[in-house]
Amino acid sequence: MSLSARNQAVAPLLLLTPGVFFWGSSFWSTTMAVEHAPAIMVAMLRTAPVGVLILLLPLLGIPFLRGRMLFMSAVTGVLSVGVLDAALSISTDLAGPGNASILINSSPFWVLLLGFLFLSERISAVGLIGLVAGFAGVVTMVSSQLGGDVGTLRLVGGMAIALVGAVSWSICILWVKAEAQRNAELDLVQLSLHQFAFGSAPLIVIAFAWKGAGSTDWGSGALWGNVAWLVLGAGAIATITFFMALKRLSATATASS
């Protein structure tokens, strides 16, 4: 089997184990965590520990990024860690884990659309059908939720924040994929740690300045148990394995998995 064929065969495993598993369960873990801390604090707690690991790079003999790559990691870090994780936690708290997961996981729709608009990527007939079906599904889901038990303003706000997270994540996917195509030696651990460092920094400031630490139940075992799951699984492992798959597959195929 050729190297290219092996890469194609390994990619689905990288997405399914453990990426999809950890990200799929993160909404329920977030739901339990926000019962003991503000949503923005949960977002900070799930990202900051991974961001601190950037200090290990010199010990591993891995240099810090510089120049264009440093800029790319900073912007994609804010998009994929700061905005996405804040949107995930806040939208889960406001609109519920089901609504948040559906809308944030609408990223394949946005990857396809943004790739066409800004990268001149062609959309196949199948892709076009999927684009229309995805948009119709999102509209149907949103409209069916209005007027329910949850306050309309709270629900719509949570859904809007989830969509912002989905678009933010989609931009990051396209940017990292373009860089991976340009640089076959792209170090995904190095990139991911820089992203978490840049993305978690504003969350630390916002989390403590917005509602402060006083509204967080720091002694809650449930809080720390769920945060640990989010840090190790949805944070470190899932992100790195996702980007490893992204190097091997197209942006749309990876986002759709």
Protein backbone atom coordinates (compact mmCIF):
# COMPACT_ATOMS: atom_id res chain seq x y z
CA MET A 1 0.00 0.00 0.00
CA SER A 2 1.37 3.42 -0.97
CA LEU A 3 1.98 6.18 1.58
CA SER A 4 -0.94 8.16 0.10
CA ALA A 5 -3.26 5.17 0.38
CA ARG A 6 -2.20 4.55 3.98
CA ASN A 7 -2.85 8.21 4.84
CA GLN A 8 -6.35 7.96 3.36
CA ALA A 9 -7.02 4.76 5.32
CA VAL A 10 -5.81 6.21 8.63
CA ALA A 11 -7.77 9.48 8.35
CA PRO A 12 -11.23 8.06 9.23
CA LEU A 13 -9.78 6.43 12.36
CA LEU A 14 -8.28 9.75 13.41
CA LEU A 15 -11.72 11.34 13.14
CA LEU A 16 -13.68 8.57 14.82
CA THR A 17 -11.26 7.65 17.58
CA PRO A 18 -11.14 9.77 19.55
CA GLY A 19 -12.12 13.04 17.80
CA VAL A 20 -15.80 12.48 17.15
CA PHE A 21 -16.23 10.65 20.46
CA PHE A 22 -14.73 13.40 22.60
CA TRP A 23 -16.34 16.30 20.74
CA GLY A 24 -19.70 14.56 20.69
CA SER A 25 -19.67 14.10 24.45
CA SER A 26 -18.34 17.59 25.18
CA PHE A 27 -21.80 19.18 25.01
CA TRP A 28 -23.11 17.03 27.84
CA SER A 29 -19.98 17.59 29.91
CA THR A 30 -20.37 21.32 29.33
CA THR A 31 -24.02 21.14 30.40
CA MET A 32 -22.99 19.60 33.72
CA ALA A 33 -20.06 21.97 34.19
CA VAL A 34 -22.09 25.17 33.69
CA GLU A 35 -24.24 24.17 36.65
CA HIS A 36 -21.25 25.01 38.84
CA ALA A 37 -19.60 27.90 36.98
CA PRO A 38 -20.46 30.61 34.43
CA ALA A 39 -20.25 29.40 30.85
CA ILE A 40 -17.32 31.68 30.00
CA MET A 41 -15.42 30.34 33.03
CA VAL A 42 -16.00 26.78 31.82
CA ALA A 43 -14.66 27.78 28.39
CA MET A 44 -11.56 29.22 30.02
CA LEU A 45 -10.99 26.21 32.27
CA ARG A 46 -11.19 23.79 29.34
CA THR A 47 -8.65 25.68 27.21
CA ALA A 48 -6.11 27.39 29.49
CA PRO A 49 -4.46 24.17 30.79
CA VAL A 50 -3.68 23.08 27.23
CA GLY A 51 -2.42 26.56 26.35
CA VAL A 52 0.05 26.47 29.25
CA LEU A 53 1.67 23.38 27.70
CA ILE A 54 3.31 25.68 25.12
CA LEU A 55 5.97 26.23 27.78
CA LEU A 56 7.07 22.62 27.22
CA LEU A 57 8.10 23.24 23.60
CA PRO A 58 11.67 24.38 24.44
CA LEU A 59 12.12 21.32 26.67
CA LEU A 60 11.12 19.13 23.71
CA GLY A 61 13.52 20.93 21.41
CA ILE A 62 10.64 22.43 19.41
CA PRO A 63 11.01 26.14 18.59
CA PHE A 64 8.27 28.70 18.99
CA LEU A 65 6.60 29.74 15.76
CA ARG A 66 7.72 32.96 14.09
CA GLY A 67 6.67 35.38 11.39
CA ARG A 68 3.77 34.35 9.17
CA MET A 69 3.20 31.07 11.02
CA LEU A 70 3.04 32.88 14.36
CA PHE A 71 0.42 35.26 12.95
CA MET A 72 -1.55 32.35 11.48
CA SER A 73 -1.51 30.44 14.76
CA ALA A 74 -2.61 33.55 16.68
CA VAL A 75 -5.61 34.26 14.44
CA THR A 76 -6.68 30.63 14.08
CA GLY A 77 -6.15 30.16 17.81
CA VAL A 78 -8.60 32.95 18.63
CA LEU A 79 -11.04 31.51 16.09
CA SER A 80 -10.76 27.81 16.95
CA VAL A 81 -10.17 28.08 20.69
CA GLY A 82 -11.30 31.48 21.94
CA VAL A 83 -14.43 32.03 19.87
CA LEU A 84 -15.41 28.38 19.33
CA ASP A 85 -15.06 27.21 22.92
CA ALA A 86 -16.74 30.31 24.30
CA ALA A 87 -19.57 29.82 21.80
CA LEU A 88 -19.89 26.14 22.69
CA SER A 89 -20.15 26.79 26.43
CA ILE A 90 -22.44 29.82 26.21
CA SER A 91 -24.76 28.38 23.54
CA THR A 92 -25.04 25.10 25.46
CA ASP A 93 -26.01 27.06 28.55
CA LEU A 94 -28.53 29.28 26.74
CA ALA A 95 -30.03 26.98 24.10
CA GLY A 96 -29.32 23.50 25.46
CA PRO A 97 -26.80 20.85 24.36
CA GLY A 98 -28.97 19.52 21.51
CA ASN A 99 -29.44 22.87 19.79
CA ALA A 100 -25.81 23.88 20.39
CA SER A 101 -24.40 20.64 19.01
CA ILE A 102 -26.51 20.76 15.83
CA LEU A 103 -25.63 24.36 15.05
CA ILE A 104 -21.95 24.20 15.92
CA ASN A 105 -21.66 21.00 13.90
CA SER A 106 -23.08 22.82 10.87
CA SER A 107 -19.44 23.63 10.05
CA PRO A 108 -19.42 21.44 6.86
CA PHE A 109 -22.05 23.78 5.42
CA TRP A 110 -19.90 26.84 6.15
CA VAL A 111 -16.66 25.19 5.00
CA LEU A 112 -18.27 24.41 1.65
CA LEU A 113 -19.77 27.88 1.28
CA LEU A 114 -16.72 29.85 2.45
CA GLY A 115 -14.39 27.71 0.35
CA PHE A 116 -16.47 28.54 -2.71
CA LEU A 117 -16.73 32.27 -1.95
CA PHE A 118 -13.16 33.01 -0.88
CA LEU A 119 -10.97 30.18 -2.16
CA SER A 120 -12.73 29.60 -5.50
CA GLU A 121 -13.27 25.94 -4.66
CA ARG A 122 -15.74 24.20 -6.94
CA ILE A 123 -18.95 22.80 -5.47
CA SER A 124 -20.04 19.50 -6.97
CA ALA A 125 -23.67 18.61 -7.62
CA VAL A 126 -23.64 16.44 -4.51
CA GLY A 127 -22.08 19.28 -2.54
CA LEU A 128 -24.69 21.73 -3.79
CA ILE A 129 -27.50 19.39 -2.75
CA GLY A 130 -25.87 19.00 0.64
CA LEU A 131 -25.49 22.77 0.95
CA VAL A 132 -29.18 23.38 0.27
CA ALA A 133 -30.27 20.48 2.49
CA GLY A 134 -28.00 21.65 5.31
CA PHE A 135 -29.31 25.20 5.15
CA ALA A 136 -32.91 23.94 5.08
CA GLY A 137 -32.20 21.69 8.05
CA VAL A 138 -30.77 24.54 10.10
CA VAL A 139 -33.72 26.80 9.27
CA THR A 140 -36.21 24.05 10.13
CA MET A 141 -34.47 23.27 13.40
CA VAL A 142 -34.30 26.91 14.46
CA SER A 143 -37.92 27.69 13.54
CA SER A 144 -39.24 24.57 15.28
CA GLN A 145 -37.63 25.60 18.57
CA LEU A 146 -39.17 29.06 18.78
CA GLY A 147 -42.10 29.54 21.10
CA GLY A 148 -41.16 26.63 23.35
CA ASP A 149 -40.52 26.46 27.07
CA VAL A 150 -37.20 28.28 26.83
CA GLY A 151 -37.46 32.08 26.52
CA THR A 152 -37.32 33.11 22.86
CA LEU A 153 -34.63 35.76 23.38
CA ARG A 154 -32.43 33.35 25.35
CA LEU A 155 -32.93 30.60 22.78
CA VAL A 156 -32.28 32.79 19.73
CA GLY A 157 -29.25 34.33 21.41
CA GLY A 158 -27.81 30.91 22.18
CA MET A 159 -28.42 29.69 18.64
CA ALA A 160 -26.84 32.82 17.14
CA ILE A 161 -23.75 32.35 19.30
CA ALA A 162 -23.53 28.70 18.22
CA LEU A 163 -23.60 29.76 14.57
CA VAL A 164 -20.82 32.27 15.22
CA GLY A 165 -18.79 29.41 16.68
CA ALA A 166 -19.47 27.22 13.64
CA VAL A 167 -18.39 29.91 11.17
CA SER A 168 -15.30 30.70 13.26
CA TRP A 169 -14.29 27.03 13.33
CA SER A 170 -14.89 26.72 9.58
CA ILE A 171 -12.55 29.63 8.82
CA CYS A 172 -9.90 27.96 10.95
CA ILE A 173 -10.35 24.63 9.13
CA LEU A 174 -9.87 26.24 5.72
CA TRP A 175 -6.84 28.24 6.85
CA VAL A 176 -5.09 25.26 8.47
CA LYS A 177 -5.86 23.07 5.45
CA ALA A 178 -4.35 25.67 3.11
CA GLU A 179 -1.23 25.85 5.29
CA ALA A 180 -0.96 22.04 5.46
CA GLN A 181 -1.06 21.89 1.66
CA ARG A 182 1.64 24.54 1.46
CA ASN A 183 3.83 22.96 4.15
CA ALA A 184 3.89 19.17 4.29
CA GLU A 185 6.13 19.30 7.38
CA LEU A 186 3.63 21.31 9.42
CA ASP A 187 4.02 20.31 13.09
CA LEU A 188 0.47 19.87 14.39
CA VAL A 189 1.45 19.65 18.07
CA GLN A 190 3.42 22.87 17.77
CA LEU A 191 0.55 24.57 15.93
CA SER A 192 -2.13 23.33 18.33
CA LEU A 193 -0.26 24.47 21.44
CA HIS A 194 0.22 27.94 19.97
CA GLN A 195 -3.47 28.07 19.08
CA PHE A 196 -4.52 27.13 22.61
CA ALA A 197 -2.12 29.67 24.11
CA PHE A 198 -3.40 32.52 21.94
CA GLY A 199 -7.06 31.44 22.14
CA SER A 200 -7.21 30.90 25.89
CA ALA A 201 -5.49 34.18 26.81
CA PRO A 202 -8.52 36.45 26.12
CA LEU A 203 -10.81 33.90 27.79
CA ILE A 204 -8.78 34.15 31.01
CA VAL A 205 -9.23 37.92 31.07
CA ILE A 206 -12.93 37.82 30.20
CA ALA A 207 -13.77 34.96 32.58
CA PHE A 208 -12.41 36.74 35.64
CA ALA A 209 -13.41 40.27 34.62
CA TRP A 210 -17.00 39.49 33.56
CA LYS A 211 -18.49 37.66 36.53
CA GLY A 212 -15.30 36.98 38.45
CA ALA A 213 -14.37 33.90 40.39
CA GLY A 214 -16.99 34.43 43.08
CA SER A 215 -19.81 32.76 41.13
CA THR A 216 -17.78 29.60 40.50
CA ASP A 217 -18.08 26.63 42.84
CA TRP A 218 -14.37 25.85 43.01
CA GLY A 219 -14.91 22.95 45.39
CA SER A 220 -17.27 21.07 43.09
CA GLY A 221 -16.05 17.62 42.10
CA ALA A 222 -18.56 17.59 39.25
CA LEU A 223 -17.07 20.79 37.85
CA TRP A 224 -13.48 19.54 37.89
CA GLY A 225 -14.41 16.07 36.65
CA ASN A 226 -16.16 17.46 33.60
CA VAL A 227 -13.47 20.08 33.00
CA ALA A 228 -10.80 17.35 33.09
CA TRP A 229 -12.76 15.41 30.46
CA LEU A 230 -13.05 18.54 28.31
CA VAL A 231 -9.36 19.46 28.67
CA LEU A 232 -7.90 16.05 27.87
CA GLY A 233 -10.46 14.79 25.38
CA ALA A 234 -12.21 17.63 23.57
CA GLY A 235 -9.23 19.91 24.02
CA ALA A 236 -5.87 18.24 23.45
CA ILE A 237 -6.56 14.82 21.93
CA ALA A 238 -9.50 15.64 19.68
CA THR A 239 -7.98 18.83 18.27
CA ILE A 240 -4.66 17.23 17.34
CA THR A 241 -6.27 14.14 15.79
CA PHE A 242 -8.68 16.35 13.83
CA PHE A 243 -5.82 18.36 12.33
CA MET A 244 -3.93 15.14 11.56
CA ALA A 245 -6.97 13.98 9.57
CA LEU A 246 -7.25 17.42 7.94
CA LYS A 247 -3.74 17.01 6.50
CA ARG A 248 -4.90 13.81 4.79
CA LEU A 249 -8.44 14.70 3.64
CA SER A 250 -10.19 17.68 2.08
CA ALA A 251 -11.52 20.40 4.38
CA THR A 252 -15.14 19.54 3.54
CA ALA A 253 -14.67 15.81 4.06
CA THR A 254 -12.93 16.34 7.40
CA ALA A 255 -15.50 18.84 8.66
CA SER A 256 -18.34 16.50 7.63
CA SER A 257 -17.06 13.59 9.69
